PDB file of all heavy atoms in Angstrom:
ATOM      1  N   ILE A   1     -70.768 -12.762 104.283  1.00  0.00           N
ATOM      2  CA  ILE A   1     -70.128 -11.534 103.848  1.00  0.00           C
ATOM      3  C   ILE A   1     -71.051 -10.393 103.949  1.00  0.00           C
ATOM      4  O   ILE A   1     -72.267 -10.616 103.563  1.00  0.00           O
ATOM      5  CB  ILE A   1     -69.334 -11.615 102.468  1.00  0.00           C
ATOM      6  CG1 ILE A   1     -70.370 -12.000 101.414  1.00  0.00           C
ATOM      7  CG2 ILE A   1     -68.245 -12.600 102.590  1.00  0.00           C
ATOM      8  CD1 ILE A   1     -69.783 -12.010  99.964  1.00  0.00           C
ATOM      9  N   GLU A   2     -70.696  -9.211 104.378  1.00  0.00           N
ATOM     10  CA  GLU A   2     -71.689  -8.136 104.609  1.00  0.00           C
ATOM     11  C   GLU A   2     -71.207  -6.874 103.970  1.00  0.00           C
ATOM     12  O   GLU A   2     -70.114  -6.291 104.309  1.00  0.00           O
ATOM     13  CB  GLU A   2     -71.779  -7.898 106.141  1.00  0.00           C
ATOM     14  CG  GLU A   2     -72.690  -6.703 106.497  1.00  0.00           C
ATOM     15  CD  GLU A   2     -72.561  -6.419 107.903  1.00  0.00           C
ATOM     16  OE1 GLU A   2     -71.666  -6.701 108.619  1.00  0.00           O
ATOM     17  OE2 GLU A   2     -73.575  -5.770 108.441  1.00  0.00           O
ATOM     18  N   PRO A   3     -72.106  -6.266 102.978  1.00  0.00           N
ATOM     19  CA  PRO A   3     -71.776  -4.923 102.590  1.00  0.00           C
ATOM     20  C   PRO A   3     -71.994  -3.884 103.745  1.00  0.00           C
ATOM     21  O   PRO A   3     -72.977  -3.952 104.458  1.00  0.00           O
ATOM     22  CB  PRO A   3     -72.876  -4.754 101.516  1.00  0.00           C
ATOM     23  CG  PRO A   3     -73.319  -6.066 101.105  1.00  0.00           C
ATOM     24  CD  PRO A   3     -73.210  -6.918 102.404  1.00  0.00           C
ATOM     25  N   ILE A   4     -71.074  -3.030 103.891  1.00  0.00           N
ATOM     26  CA  ILE A   4     -71.126  -2.012 105.044  1.00  0.00           C
ATOM     27  C   ILE A   4     -71.010  -0.648 104.371  1.00  0.00           C
ATOM     28  O   ILE A   4     -70.299  -0.350 103.432  1.00  0.00           O
ATOM     29  CB  ILE A   4     -69.958  -2.272 106.050  1.00  0.00           C
ATOM     30  CG1 ILE A   4     -70.108  -3.573 106.676  1.00  0.00           C
ATOM     31  CG2 ILE A   4     -69.909  -1.130 107.036  1.00  0.00           C
ATOM     32  CD1 ILE A   4     -68.964  -4.019 107.543  1.00  0.00           C
ATOM     33  N   ASN A   5     -71.846   0.285 105.021  1.00  0.00           N
ATOM     34  CA  ASN A   5     -71.895   1.570 104.416  1.00  0.00           C
ATOM     35  C   ASN A   5     -70.567   2.426 104.573  1.00  0.00           C
ATOM     36  O   ASN A   5     -69.887   2.255 105.533  1.00  0.00           O
ATOM     37  CB  ASN A   5     -73.002   2.450 104.973  1.00  0.00           C
ATOM     38  CG  ASN A   5     -72.812   3.006 106.253  1.00  0.00           C
ATOM     39  OD1 ASN A   5     -72.076   4.018 106.391  1.00  0.00           O
ATOM     40  ND2 ASN A   5     -73.329   2.449 107.348  1.00  0.00           N
ATOM     41  N   ASN A   6     -70.191   3.286 103.635  1.00  0.00           N
ATOM     42  CA  ASN A   6     -68.932   3.905 103.645  1.00  0.00           C
ATOM     43  C   ASN A   6     -69.047   5.239 104.402  1.00  0.00           C
ATOM     44  O   ASN A   6     -67.979   6.015 104.455  1.00  0.00           O
ATOM     45  CB  ASN A   6     -68.370   4.248 102.201  1.00  0.00           C
ATOM     46  CG  ASN A   6     -69.386   4.986 101.375  1.00  0.00           C
ATOM     47  OD1 ASN A   6     -70.269   5.649 101.822  1.00  0.00           O
ATOM     48  ND2 ASN A   6     -69.120   4.948 100.052  1.00  0.00           N
ATOM     49  N   ARG A   7     -70.147   5.595 105.139  1.00  0.00           N
ATOM     50  CA  ARG A   7     -70.146   6.676 105.997  1.00  0.00           C
ATOM     51  C   ARG A   7     -69.663   6.174 107.440  1.00  0.00           C
ATOM     52  O   ARG A   7     -68.833   6.835 107.974  1.00  0.00           O
ATOM     53  CB  ARG A   7     -71.584   7.178 106.204  1.00  0.00           C
ATOM     54  CG  ARG A   7     -71.743   8.431 107.074  1.00  0.00           C
ATOM     55  CD  ARG A   7     -73.151   8.912 107.049  1.00  0.00           C
ATOM     56  NE  ARG A   7     -73.974   8.033 107.857  1.00  0.00           N
ATOM     57  CZ  ARG A   7     -75.375   8.017 107.714  1.00  0.00           C
ATOM     58  NH1 ARG A   7     -75.984   8.863 106.890  1.00  0.00           N
ATOM     59  NH2 ARG A   7     -76.125   7.212 108.473  1.00  0.00           N
ATOM     60  N   ASP A   8     -70.194   5.028 107.867  1.00  0.00           N
ATOM     61  CA  ASP A   8     -69.704   4.522 109.151  1.00  0.00           C
ATOM     62  C   ASP A   8     -68.240   3.927 109.008  1.00  0.00           C
ATOM     63  O   ASP A   8     -67.535   3.899 110.056  1.00  0.00           O
ATOM     64  CB  ASP A   8     -70.655   3.497 109.626  1.00  0.00           C
ATOM     65  CG  ASP A   8     -71.926   4.045 110.127  1.00  0.00           C
ATOM     66  OD1 ASP A   8     -72.154   5.209 110.114  1.00  0.00           O
ATOM     67  OD2 ASP A   8     -72.851   3.218 110.657  1.00  0.00           O
ATOM     68  N   MET A   9     -67.993   3.336 107.934  1.00  0.00           N
ATOM     69  CA  MET A   9     -66.723   2.671 107.704  1.00  0.00           C
ATOM     70  C   MET A   9     -66.026   3.021 106.457  1.00  0.00           C
ATOM     71  O   MET A   9     -66.053   2.250 105.455  1.00  0.00           O
ATOM     72  CB  MET A   9     -66.870   1.130 107.847  1.00  0.00           C
ATOM     73  CG  MET A   9     -65.624   0.362 108.189  1.00  0.00           C
ATOM     74  SD  MET A   9     -65.983  -1.342 108.473  1.00  0.00           S
ATOM     75  CE  MET A   9     -66.833  -1.279 110.131  1.00  0.00           C
ATOM     76  N   PRO A  10     -65.509   4.178 106.306  1.00  0.00           N
ATOM     77  CA  PRO A  10     -64.879   4.705 105.002  1.00  0.00           C
ATOM     78  C   PRO A  10     -63.829   3.673 104.574  1.00  0.00           C
ATOM     79  O   PRO A  10     -62.996   3.310 105.308  1.00  0.00           O
ATOM     80  CB  PRO A  10     -64.274   6.050 105.428  1.00  0.00           C
ATOM     81  CG  PRO A  10     -65.111   6.531 106.595  1.00  0.00           C
ATOM     82  CD  PRO A  10     -65.427   5.257 107.396  1.00  0.00           C
ATOM     83  N   GLY A  11     -63.890   3.488 103.250  1.00  0.00           N
ATOM     84  CA  GLY A  11     -62.915   2.617 102.612  1.00  0.00           C
ATOM     85  C   GLY A  11     -63.183   1.110 102.765  1.00  0.00           C
ATOM     86  O   GLY A  11     -62.345   0.289 102.289  1.00  0.00           O
ATOM     87  N   TYR A  12     -64.276   0.671 103.330  1.00  0.00           N
ATOM     88  CA  TYR A  12     -64.584  -0.750 103.469  1.00  0.00           C
ATOM     89  C   TYR A  12     -64.751  -1.322 102.062  1.00  0.00           C
ATOM     90  O   TYR A  12     -65.359  -0.702 101.170  1.00  0.00           O
ATOM     91  CB  TYR A  12     -65.848  -1.006 104.310  1.00  0.00           C
ATOM     92  CG  TYR A  12     -65.933  -2.421 104.683  1.00  0.00           C
ATOM     93  CD1 TYR A  12     -65.107  -3.039 105.625  1.00  0.00           C
ATOM     94  CD2 TYR A  12     -66.933  -3.341 104.058  1.00  0.00           C
ATOM     95  CE1 TYR A  12     -65.158  -4.328 105.920  1.00  0.00           C
ATOM     96  CE2 TYR A  12     -67.016  -4.634 104.361  1.00  0.00           C
ATOM     97  CZ  TYR A  12     -66.141  -5.152 105.301  1.00  0.00           C
ATOM     98  OH  TYR A  12     -66.296  -6.549 105.646  1.00  0.00           O
ATOM     99  N   PHE A  13     -64.189  -2.536 101.825  1.00  0.00           N
ATOM    100  CA  PHE A  13     -64.078  -3.068 100.479  1.00  0.00           C
ATOM    101  C   PHE A  13     -65.460  -3.388  99.879  1.00  0.00           C
ATOM    102  O   PHE A  13     -65.637  -3.295  98.642  1.00  0.00           O
ATOM    103  CB  PHE A  13     -63.278  -4.354 100.553  1.00  0.00           C
ATOM    104  CG  PHE A  13     -63.113  -5.023  99.121  1.00  0.00           C
ATOM    105  CD1 PHE A  13     -62.132  -4.529  98.305  1.00  0.00           C
ATOM    106  CD2 PHE A  13     -63.877  -6.142  98.828  1.00  0.00           C
ATOM    107  CE1 PHE A  13     -61.967  -5.115  97.113  1.00  0.00           C
ATOM    108  CE2 PHE A  13     -63.704  -6.726  97.597  1.00  0.00           C
ATOM    109  CZ  PHE A  13     -62.722  -6.131  96.740  1.00  0.00           C
ATOM    110  N   LEU A  14     -66.423  -3.761 100.682  1.00  0.00           N
ATOM    111  CA  LEU A  14     -67.739  -4.342 100.170  1.00  0.00           C
ATOM    112  C   LEU A  14     -68.776  -3.315 100.623  1.00  0.00           C
ATOM    113  O   LEU A  14     -69.056  -3.236 101.825  1.00  0.00           O
ATOM    114  CB  LEU A  14     -67.956  -5.638 100.700  1.00  0.00           C
ATOM    115  CG  LEU A  14     -69.048  -6.459 100.063  1.00  0.00           C
ATOM    116  CD1 LEU A  14     -68.771  -6.757  98.558  1.00  0.00           C
ATOM    117  CD2 LEU A  14     -69.270  -7.852 100.754  1.00  0.00           C
ATOM    118  N   ASN A  15     -69.545  -2.667  99.700  1.00  0.00           N
ATOM    119  CA  ASN A  15     -70.499  -1.671 100.058  1.00  0.00           C
ATOM    120  C   ASN A  15     -71.954  -1.984  99.588  1.00  0.00           C
ATOM    121  O   ASN A  15     -72.917  -1.484 100.168  1.00  0.00           O
ATOM    122  CB  ASN A  15     -70.154  -0.254  99.476  1.00  0.00           C
ATOM    123  CG  ASN A  15     -68.755   0.084  99.956  1.00  0.00           C
ATOM    124  OD1 ASN A  15     -67.897   0.491  99.131  1.00  0.00           O
ATOM    125  ND2 ASN A  15     -68.518   0.196 101.243  1.00  0.00           N
ATOM    126  N   TYR A  16     -72.122  -2.769  98.570  1.00  0.00           N
ATOM    127  CA  TYR A  16     -73.509  -2.913  97.908  1.00  0.00           C
ATOM    128  C   TYR A  16     -73.868  -4.295  97.913  1.00  0.00           C
ATOM    129  O   TYR A  16     -73.109  -5.274  97.773  1.00  0.00           O
ATOM    130  CB  TYR A  16     -73.414  -2.360  96.556  1.00  0.00           C
ATOM    131  CG  TYR A  16     -73.158  -0.874  96.488  1.00  0.00           C
ATOM    132  CD1 TYR A  16     -71.843  -0.443  96.145  1.00  0.00           C
ATOM    133  CD2 TYR A  16     -74.170   0.029  96.692  1.00  0.00           C
ATOM    134  CE1 TYR A  16     -71.632   0.953  96.153  1.00  0.00           C
ATOM    135  CE2 TYR A  16     -73.928   1.418  96.622  1.00  0.00           C
ATOM    136  CZ  TYR A  16     -72.647   1.888  96.452  1.00  0.00           C
ATOM    137  OH  TYR A  16     -72.400   3.220  96.371  1.00  0.00           O
ATOM    138  N   GLN A  17     -75.232  -4.548  98.029  1.00  0.00           N
ATOM    139  CA  GLN A  17     -75.766  -5.866  98.041  1.00  0.00           C
ATOM    140  C   GLN A  17     -75.497  -6.658  96.675  1.00  0.00           C
ATOM    141  O   GLN A  17     -75.102  -7.852  96.807  1.00  0.00           O
ATOM    142  CB  GLN A  17     -77.288  -5.834  98.296  1.00  0.00           C
ATOM    143  CG  GLN A  17     -77.769  -5.168  99.617  1.00  0.00           C
ATOM    144  CD  GLN A  17     -77.191  -5.845 100.826  1.00  0.00           C
ATOM    145  OE1 GLN A  17     -77.224  -7.077 100.877  1.00  0.00           O
ATOM    146  NE2 GLN A  17     -76.679  -5.149 101.743  1.00  0.00           N
ATOM    147  N   HIS A  18     -75.581  -6.073  95.624  1.00  0.00           N
ATOM    148  CA  HIS A  18     -75.321  -6.825  94.429  1.00  0.00           C
ATOM    149  C   HIS A  18     -73.932  -7.258  94.324  1.00  0.00           C
ATOM    150  O   HIS A  18     -73.593  -8.333  93.739  1.00  0.00           O
ATOM    151  CB  HIS A  18     -75.724  -5.972  93.195  1.00  0.00           C
ATOM    152  CG  HIS A  18     -74.765  -4.839  92.838  1.00  0.00           C
ATOM    153  ND1 HIS A  18     -74.979  -3.575  93.395  1.00  0.00           N
ATOM    154  CD2 HIS A  18     -73.680  -4.780  92.046  1.00  0.00           C
ATOM    155  CE1 HIS A  18     -73.982  -2.820  92.981  1.00  0.00           C
ATOM    156  NE2 HIS A  18     -73.174  -3.473  92.179  1.00  0.00           N
ATOM    157  N   GLN A  19     -72.871  -6.499  94.866  1.00  0.00           N
ATOM    158  CA  GLN A  19     -71.521  -6.875  94.857  1.00  0.00           C
ATOM    159  C   GLN A  19     -71.351  -8.199  95.662  1.00  0.00           C
ATOM    160  O   GLN A  19     -70.685  -9.166  95.205  1.00  0.00           O
ATOM    161  CB  GLN A  19     -70.713  -5.840  95.476  1.00  0.00           C
ATOM    162  CG  GLN A  19     -70.617  -4.525  94.695  1.00  0.00           C
ATOM    163  CD  GLN A  19     -69.782  -3.475  95.440  1.00  0.00           C
ATOM    164  OE1 GLN A  19     -69.816  -3.473  96.720  1.00  0.00           O
ATOM    165  NE2 GLN A  19     -69.100  -2.583  94.750  1.00  0.00           N
ATOM    166  N   ALA A  20     -72.025  -8.305  96.864  1.00  0.00           N
ATOM    167  CA  ALA A  20     -71.837  -9.437  97.599  1.00  0.00           C
ATOM    168  C   ALA A  20     -72.482 -10.671  96.988  1.00  0.00           C
ATOM    169  O   ALA A  20     -71.976 -11.737  96.965  1.00  0.00           O
ATOM    170  CB  ALA A  20     -72.503  -9.186  99.016  1.00  0.00           C
ATOM    171  N   GLN A  21     -73.730 -10.441  96.457  1.00  0.00           N
ATOM    172  CA  GLN A  21     -74.372 -11.594  95.745  1.00  0.00           C
ATOM    173  C   GLN A  21     -73.570 -12.133  94.540  1.00  0.00           C
ATOM    174  O   GLN A  21     -73.480 -13.323  94.250  1.00  0.00           O
ATOM    175  CB  GLN A  21     -75.821 -11.155  95.325  1.00  0.00           C
ATOM    176  CG  GLN A  21     -76.732 -10.892  96.430  1.00  0.00           C
ATOM    177  CD  GLN A  21     -77.104 -12.142  97.282  1.00  0.00           C
ATOM    178  OE1 GLN A  21     -76.915 -13.240  96.719  1.00  0.00           O
ATOM    179  NE2 GLN A  21     -77.579 -11.949  98.390  1.00  0.00           N
ATOM    180  N   GLU A  22     -73.006 -11.098  93.796  1.00  0.00           N
ATOM    181  CA  GLU A  22     -72.140 -11.462  92.626  1.00  0.00           C
ATOM    182  C   GLU A  22     -70.936 -12.342  93.041  1.00  0.00           C
ATOM    183  O   GLU A  22     -70.587 -13.251  92.411  1.00  0.00           O
ATOM    184  CB  GLU A  22     -71.652 -10.274  91.897  1.00  0.00           C
ATOM    185  CG  GLU A  22     -72.762  -9.581  91.058  1.00  0.00           C
ATOM    186  CD  GLU A  22     -72.421  -8.188  90.606  1.00  0.00           C
ATOM    187  OE1 GLU A  22     -71.326  -7.797  90.878  1.00  0.00           O
ATOM    188  OE2 GLU A  22     -73.305  -7.545  90.001  1.00  0.00           O
ATOM    189  N   ILE A  23     -70.356 -12.016  94.193  1.00  0.00           N
ATOM    190  CA  ILE A  23     -69.219 -12.846  94.632  1.00  0.00           C
ATOM    191  C   ILE A  23     -69.676 -14.199  95.044  1.00  0.00           C
ATOM    192  O   ILE A  23     -68.982 -15.167  94.732  1.00  0.00           O
ATOM    193  CB  ILE A  23     -68.541 -12.042  95.928  1.00  0.00           C
ATOM    194  CG1 ILE A  23     -67.738 -10.843  95.417  1.00  0.00           C
ATOM    195  CG2 ILE A  23     -67.655 -13.010  96.730  1.00  0.00           C
ATOM    196  CD1 ILE A  23     -67.314  -9.903  96.515  1.00  0.00           C
ATOM    197  N   CYS A  24     -70.758 -14.299  95.798  1.00  0.00           N
ATOM    198  CA  CYS A  24     -71.300 -15.604  96.121  1.00  0.00           C
ATOM    199  C   CYS A  24     -71.539 -16.493  94.848  1.00  0.00           C
ATOM    200  O   CYS A  24     -71.214 -17.737  94.852  1.00  0.00           O
ATOM    201  CB  CYS A  24     -72.494 -15.531  96.970  1.00  0.00           C
ATOM    202  SG  CYS A  24     -72.252 -14.831  98.658  1.00  0.00           S
ATOM    203  N   GLU A  25     -72.174 -15.913  93.859  1.00  0.00           N
ATOM    204  CA  GLU A  25     -72.450 -16.645  92.678  1.00  0.00           C
ATOM    205  C   GLU A  25     -71.191 -16.911  91.855  1.00  0.00           C
ATOM    206  O   GLU A  25     -71.149 -18.049  91.185  1.00  0.00           O
ATOM    207  CB  GLU A  25     -73.478 -15.804  91.789  1.00  0.00           C
ATOM    208  CG  GLU A  25     -74.794 -15.618  92.473  1.00  0.00           C
ATOM    209  CD  GLU A  25     -75.809 -14.833  91.624  1.00  0.00           C
ATOM    210  OE1 GLU A  25     -75.419 -14.524  90.494  1.00  0.00           O
ATOM    211  OE2 GLU A  25     -77.025 -14.717  92.028  1.00  0.00           O
ATOM    212  N   GLU A  26     -70.241 -16.027  91.812  1.00  0.00           N
ATOM    213  CA  GLU A  26     -69.035 -16.285  91.101  1.00  0.00           C
ATOM    214  C   GLU A  26     -68.250 -17.601  91.689  1.00  0.00           C
ATOM    215  O   GLU A  26     -67.761 -18.387  90.996  1.00  0.00           O
ATOM    216  CB  GLU A  26     -68.191 -15.115  91.103  1.00  0.00           C
ATOM    217  CG  GLU A  26     -66.791 -15.264  90.336  1.00  0.00           C
ATOM    218  CD  GLU A  26     -66.043 -14.021  90.203  1.00  0.00           C
ATOM    219  OE1 GLU A  26     -66.650 -12.907  90.402  1.00  0.00           O
ATOM    220  OE2 GLU A  26     -64.774 -14.071  89.891  1.00  0.00           O
ATOM    221  N   LEU A  27     -68.177 -17.568  93.052  1.00  0.00           N
ATOM    222  CA  LEU A  27     -67.476 -18.691  93.725  1.00  0.00           C
ATOM    223  C   LEU A  27     -68.267 -19.981  93.577  1.00  0.00           C
ATOM    224  O   LEU A  27     -67.666 -20.991  93.407  1.00  0.00           O
ATOM    225  CB  LEU A  27     -67.276 -18.346  95.210  1.00  0.00           C
ATOM    226  CG  LEU A  27     -66.181 -17.304  95.436  1.00  0.00           C
ATOM    227  CD1 LEU A  27     -66.160 -16.847  96.926  1.00  0.00           C
ATOM    228  CD2 LEU A  27     -64.813 -17.884  94.963  1.00  0.00           C
ATOM    229  N   ASP A  28     -69.594 -19.914  93.695  1.00  0.00           N
ATOM    230  CA  ASP A  28     -70.450 -21.089  93.448  1.00  0.00           C
ATOM    231  C   ASP A  28     -69.931 -22.330  94.179  1.00  0.00           C
ATOM    232  O   ASP A  28     -69.758 -23.437  93.644  1.00  0.00           O
ATOM    233  CB  ASP A  28     -70.544 -21.352  91.981  1.00  0.00           C
ATOM    234  CG  ASP A  28     -71.638 -22.387  91.582  1.00  0.00           C
ATOM    235  OD1 ASP A  28     -72.540 -22.604  92.431  1.00  0.00           O
ATOM    236  OD2 ASP A  28     -71.467 -23.031  90.565  1.00  0.00           O
ATOM    237  N   ILE A  29     -69.697 -22.181  95.548  1.00  0.00           N
ATOM    238  CA  ILE A  29     -69.145 -23.244  96.275  1.00  0.00           C
ATOM    239  C   ILE A  29     -70.022 -23.645  97.473  1.00  0.00           C
ATOM    240  O   ILE A  29     -69.658 -24.660  98.148  1.00  0.00           O
ATOM    241  CB  ILE A  29     -67.745 -22.906  96.793  1.00  0.00           C
ATOM    242  CG1 ILE A  29     -67.711 -21.564  97.529  1.00  0.00           C
ATOM    243  CG2 ILE A  29     -66.766 -22.944  95.667  1.00  0.00           C
ATOM    244  CD1 ILE A  29     -66.460 -21.247  98.183  1.00  0.00           C
ATOM    245  N   GLY A  30     -71.098 -23.010  97.683  1.00  0.00           N
ATOM    246  CA  GLY A  30     -71.991 -23.279  98.859  1.00  0.00           C
ATOM    247  C   GLY A  30     -71.371 -22.837 100.205  1.00  0.00           C
ATOM    248  O   GLY A  30     -70.185 -22.513 100.162  1.00  0.00           O
TER     249      GLY A  30
END
C-alpha cells in the first residue's frame, strides 16, 4: 500500500507514511 501526495492525486485515501504503517500494524497478518 502506498501513500500518494494530494497534489498529484487529489482526494486519494492514503497520504502519509504513518497512516500506512498503522494500517499494516493494525491488521497484523503478514
